[in-house]
N, C-alpha and C. Protein backbone atom coordinates (compact mmCIF):
# COMPACT_ATOMS: atom_id res chain seq x y z
N UNK A 1 9.74 9.88 23.83
CA UNK A 1 10.15 10.15 22.27
C UNK A 1 10.28 11.21 21.78
N UNK A 2 9.60 12.31 22.10
CA UNK A 2 10.02 13.91 21.66
C UNK A 2 11.22 14.39 22.10
N UNK A 3 11.72 13.88 23.13
CA UNK A 3 13.07 14.29 23.69
C UNK A 3 14.42 13.76 22.60
N UNK A 4 14.00 12.49 22.40
CA UNK A 4 14.98 11.70 21.24
C UNK A 4 14.69 12.33 19.99
N UNK A 5 13.43 12.67 19.66
CA UNK A 5 13.61 13.23 18.20
C UNK A 5 14.39 14.78 18.16
N UNK A 6 14.06 15.44 19.24
CA UNK A 6 14.89 16.79 19.53
C UNK A 6 16.22 16.48 19.25
N UNK A 7 16.66 15.38 20.41
CA UNK A 7 17.95 14.81 20.64
C UNK A 7 18.60 14.86 18.80
N UNK A 8 18.11 13.92 18.48
CA UNK A 8 18.44 13.47 17.15
C UNK A 8 18.32 14.74 15.86
N UNK A 9 17.67 15.50 16.19
CA UNK A 9 17.35 16.34 15.14
C UNK A 9 18.56 17.65 15.43
N UNK A 10 19.31 17.52 16.46
CA UNK A 10 20.32 18.44 16.41
C UNK A 10 22.00 17.70 16.31
N UNK A 11 21.88 16.67 16.26
CA UNK A 11 23.27 16.01 15.92
C UNK A 11 23.90 16.24 14.56
N UNK A 12 24.76 16.09 14.39
CA UNK A 12 25.57 16.20 12.96
C UNK A 12 25.81 15.58 11.93
N UNK A 13 25.05 14.32 12.11
CA UNK A 13 24.90 13.00 11.38
C UNK A 13 23.60 13.62 10.46
N UNK A 14 23.88 13.48 8.96
CA UNK A 14 22.91 14.31 7.94
C UNK A 14 21.55 13.01 8.05
N UNK A 15 22.23 12.04 8.04
CA UNK A 15 20.93 10.84 8.01
C UNK A 15 19.93 10.60 9.24
N UNK A 16 20.56 11.04 10.57
CA UNK A 16 19.85 11.26 11.73
C UNK A 16 19.02 12.34 11.58
N UNK A 17 19.63 13.60 11.25
CA UNK A 17 18.88 14.83 11.34
C UNK A 17 17.73 14.63 10.28
N UNK A 18 17.63 14.12 9.24
CA UNK A 18 16.71 13.62 7.88
C UNK A 18 15.72 12.97 8.72
N UNK A 19 16.19 11.62 9.32
CA UNK A 19 15.02 10.74 9.88
C UNK A 19 14.12 11.42 10.97
N UNK A 20 15.00 12.37 12.08
CA UNK A 20 14.29 13.05 12.69
C UNK A 20 13.26 13.90 12.25
N UNK A 21 13.45 14.36 10.89
CA UNK A 21 12.51 15.31 10.46
C UNK A 21 11.51 14.52 9.86
N UNK A 22 11.71 13.53 9.31
CA UNK A 22 10.50 12.85 8.89
C UNK A 22 9.71 12.20 9.84
N UNK A 23 10.27 12.08 10.97
CA UNK A 23 9.15 11.61 12.21
C UNK A 23 8.29 12.55 12.70
N UNK A 24 9.09 13.79 12.47
CA UNK A 24 8.24 14.77 13.11
C UNK A 24 7.27 15.16 12.10
N UNK A 25 7.62 15.31 10.99
CA UNK A 25 6.28 15.37 9.92
C UNK A 25 5.63 14.52 9.75
N UNK A 26 5.59 13.22 10.15
CA UNK A 26 4.88 12.04 10.02
C UNK A 26 4.45 11.55 11.17
N UNK A 27 4.42 12.28 12.38
CA UNK A 27 3.94 11.75 13.72
C UNK A 27 2.61 11.27 13.74
N UNK A 28 1.56 12.04 13.41
CA UNK A 28 0.41 11.54 13.58
C UNK A 28 -0.03 10.40 12.51
N UNK A 29 0.84 10.11 11.35
CA UNK A 29 0.61 9.22 10.48
C UNK A 29 0.94 7.79 11.14
N UNK A 30 2.01 7.94 11.93
CA UNK A 30 2.78 6.59 12.15
C UNK A 30 1.74 5.77 13.33
N UNK A 31 1.07 6.44 14.31
CA UNK A 31 0.06 5.51 14.77
C UNK A 31 -0.93 4.71 14.24
N UNK A 32 -1.64 5.69 13.40
CA UNK A 32 -2.74 5.34 12.34
C UNK A 32 -2.03 4.06 11.81
N UNK A 33 -1.14 4.15 10.99
CA UNK A 33 -0.45 2.87 10.10
C UNK A 33 -0.15 1.84 10.87
N UNK A 34 0.12 2.02 12.12
CA UNK A 34 0.09 0.74 12.65
C UNK A 34 -1.11 0.26 13.20
N UNK A 35 -2.04 1.07 13.93
CA UNK A 35 -3.47 0.66 13.89
C UNK A 35 -4.16 0.11 12.66
N UNK A 36 -3.95 0.70 11.58
CA UNK A 36 -4.86 0.14 10.42
C UNK A 36 -3.88 -1.18 9.73
N UNK A 37 -2.64 -1.47 10.31
CA UNK A 37 -2.09 -2.69 9.47
C UNK A 37 -1.38 -2.49 8.00
N UNK A 38 -1.15 -1.35 7.76
CA UNK A 38 -0.76 -0.99 6.08
C UNK A 38 0.86 -0.85 6.36
N UNK A 39 1.22 -1.41 5.55
CA UNK A 39 2.71 -1.39 5.06
C UNK A 39 3.21 -1.09 3.44
N UNK A 40 4.18 -0.54 3.57
CA UNK A 40 4.63 -0.45 1.72
C UNK A 40 4.59 -1.90 1.14
N UNK A 41 4.75 -2.96 1.79
CA UNK A 41 4.68 -4.31 1.18
C UNK A 41 3.38 -4.50 0.96
N UNK A 42 2.23 -4.19 1.63
CA UNK A 42 1.13 -4.96 1.42
C UNK A 42 0.25 -3.79 0.34
N UNK A 43 0.92 -2.61 0.03
CA UNK A 43 -0.08 -1.60 -0.36
C UNK A 43 0.91 -1.73 -1.93
N UNK A 44 1.96 -2.43 -1.80
CA UNK A 44 2.84 -2.65 -3.48
C UNK A 44 2.02 -3.88 -3.87
N UNK A 45 1.86 -4.83 -2.79
CA UNK A 45 1.16 -6.01 -4.02
C UNK A 45 -0.07 -5.54 -3.93
N UNK A 46 -0.90 -5.14 -3.41
CA UNK A 46 -2.17 -4.52 -3.93
C UNK A 46 -2.11 -3.69 -5.52
N UNK A 47 -1.14 -2.89 -5.36
CA UNK A 47 -1.32 -2.18 -6.46
C UNK A 47 -0.73 -2.83 -7.72
N UNK A 48 0.08 -3.91 -7.51
CA UNK A 48 0.76 -4.82 -8.55
C UNK A 48 -0.20 -5.69 -9.19
N UNK A 49 -1.41 -5.99 -8.07
CA UNK A 49 -2.41 -6.72 -8.65
C UNK A 49 -3.37 -6.19 -9.42
N UNK A 50 -3.61 -4.78 -9.06
CA UNK A 50 -4.37 -4.06 -10.11
C UNK A 50 -3.70 -3.55 -11.71
N UNK A 51 -2.40 -3.74 -11.26
CA UNK A 51 -1.53 -3.73 -12.70
C UNK A 51 -1.81 -4.63 -13.74
N UNK A 52 -1.42 -5.66 -13.14
CA UNK A 52 -1.67 -7.01 -13.77
C UNK A 52 -3.33 -7.21 -14.17
N UNK A 53 -4.20 -6.64 -13.60
CA UNK A 53 -5.33 -7.18 -14.03
C UNK A 53 -5.72 -6.17 -14.88
N UNK A 54 -5.05 -4.93 -14.89
CA UNK A 54 -5.18 -3.90 -16.11
C UNK A 54 -4.89 -4.09 -17.35
N UNK A 55 -3.38 -5.10 -17.19
CA UNK A 55 -2.94 -5.42 -18.42
C UNK A 55 -3.72 -6.70 -19.12
N UNK A 56 -4.59 -7.56 -18.13
CA UNK A 56 -5.20 -8.44 -18.60
C UNK A 56 -6.48 -7.78 -19.33
N UNK A 57 -7.10 -6.84 -18.90
CA UNK A 57 -8.21 -5.96 -19.27
C UNK A 57 -7.93 -5.50 -20.54
N UNK A 58 -6.74 -5.83 -21.21
CA UNK A 58 -6.37 -4.85 -22.24
C UNK A 58 -7.51 -5.14 -23.51
N UNK A 59 -7.90 -3.89 -23.95
CA UNK A 59 -9.12 -4.09 -25.01
C UNK A 59 -10.31 -4.09 -24.58
N UNK A 60 -10.66 -3.94 -23.41
CA UNK A 60 -12.10 -3.57 -22.84
C UNK A 60 -12.36 -2.27 -23.33
N UNK A 61 -13.69 -2.20 -23.62
CA UNK A 61 -14.58 -0.80 -24.42
C UNK A 61 -14.79 0.19 -23.13
N UNK A 62 -15.24 -0.50 -22.02
CA UNK A 62 -15.54 0.44 -21.15
C UNK A 62 -14.79 0.16 -19.82
N UNK A 63 -14.80 1.59 -19.36
CA UNK A 63 -13.96 1.55 -17.96
C UNK A 63 -15.03 0.43 -16.95
N UNK A 64 -16.13 0.62 -17.00
CA UNK A 64 -16.91 -0.15 -15.93
C UNK A 64 -16.36 -1.89 -15.62
N UNK A 65 -16.52 -2.01 -17.32
CA UNK A 65 -15.91 -3.68 -17.33
C UNK A 65 -14.49 -3.79 -16.45
N UNK A 66 -13.62 -3.09 -16.80
CA UNK A 66 -12.39 -2.92 -16.08
C UNK A 66 -12.55 -3.19 -14.21
N UNK A 67 -13.37 -2.02 -13.97
CA UNK A 67 -13.87 -1.93 -12.63
C UNK A 67 -14.53 -3.34 -12.00
N UNK A 68 -15.35 -3.97 -12.69
CA UNK A 68 -15.73 -5.22 -12.66
C UNK A 68 -15.24 -6.50 -12.42
N UNK A 69 -13.81 -6.18 -12.97
CA UNK A 69 -12.78 -7.37 -13.21
C UNK A 69 -12.07 -7.09 -11.91
N UNK A 70 -11.44 -5.54 -11.68
CA UNK A 70 -10.83 -5.41 -10.35
C UNK A 70 -11.39 -5.59 -9.07
N UNK A 71 -12.56 -5.70 -9.07
CA UNK A 71 -13.31 -5.25 -7.60
C UNK A 71 -13.11 -6.78 -7.26
N UNK A 72 -13.32 -8.11 -7.92
CA UNK A 72 -13.29 -8.96 -7.10
C UNK A 72 -12.03 -9.55 -6.68
N UNK A 73 -10.92 -9.25 -7.94
CA UNK A 73 -9.55 -9.57 -7.27
C UNK A 73 -8.61 -8.94 -6.61
N UNK A 74 -9.35 -7.79 -5.98
CA UNK A 74 -8.96 -7.07 -4.94
C UNK A 74 -9.74 -7.08 -3.45
N UNK A 75 -10.80 -7.68 -3.91
CA UNK A 75 -11.79 -7.78 -2.51
C UNK A 75 -11.31 -9.03 -1.48
N UNK A 76 -10.33 -9.80 -1.95
CA UNK A 76 -9.71 -10.66 -0.75
C UNK A 76 -10.74 -12.18 -0.96
N UNK A 77 -11.75 -12.01 -1.66
CA UNK A 77 -12.57 -13.38 -1.72
C UNK A 77 -11.86 -14.31 -2.63
N UNK A 78 -12.25 -15.48 -2.51
CA UNK A 78 -11.39 -16.74 -3.35
C UNK A 78 -12.73 -17.07 -3.98
N UNK A 79 -12.54 -16.51 -5.53
CA UNK A 79 -13.52 -16.65 -6.16
C UNK A 79 -13.31 -17.60 -7.32
N UNK A 80 -13.42 -18.90 -7.37
CA UNK A 80 -13.14 -19.75 -8.40
C UNK A 80 -13.96 -20.07 -9.32
N UNK A 81 -13.80 -20.52 -10.65
CA UNK A 81 -14.57 -20.64 -11.44
C UNK A 81 -14.93 -22.44 -11.68
N UNK A 82 -16.26 -23.05 -11.60
CA UNK A 82 -16.14 -24.11 -11.92
C UNK A 82 -15.40 -25.06 -12.64
N UNK A 83 -14.97 -25.94 -11.91
CA UNK A 83 -14.03 -26.92 -12.78
C UNK A 83 -14.72 -28.05 -13.39
N UNK A 84 -14.33 -28.83 -14.84
CA UNK A 84 -15.35 -30.07 -15.15
C UNK A 84 -14.89 -31.05 -14.42
N UNK A 85 -15.92 -32.14 -14.00
CA UNK A 85 -15.48 -33.27 -13.30
C UNK A 85 -14.87 -34.19 -14.45
N UNK A 86 -13.72 -34.67 -13.81
CA UNK A 86 -12.81 -35.52 -14.60
C UNK A 86 -13.33 -37.12 -14.20
């Protein structure tokens, strides 16, 4: 891996050189990201869920109420309200 990154950083293709710089700069983070299973898509979805919840909580007087709404929605628990029997 080190040899490939070194070789790529000495090419004259700007995109490859920039990629080699990013790999070198983020080298410790790459195995951790794979190990933890994080991805931009997963984190983006999580962030979107929080934004939608904040929009729903518009008008709450206290931040603690907003946090109380965000926590169950982002915890991964399947919390459903009781439905009336038909």
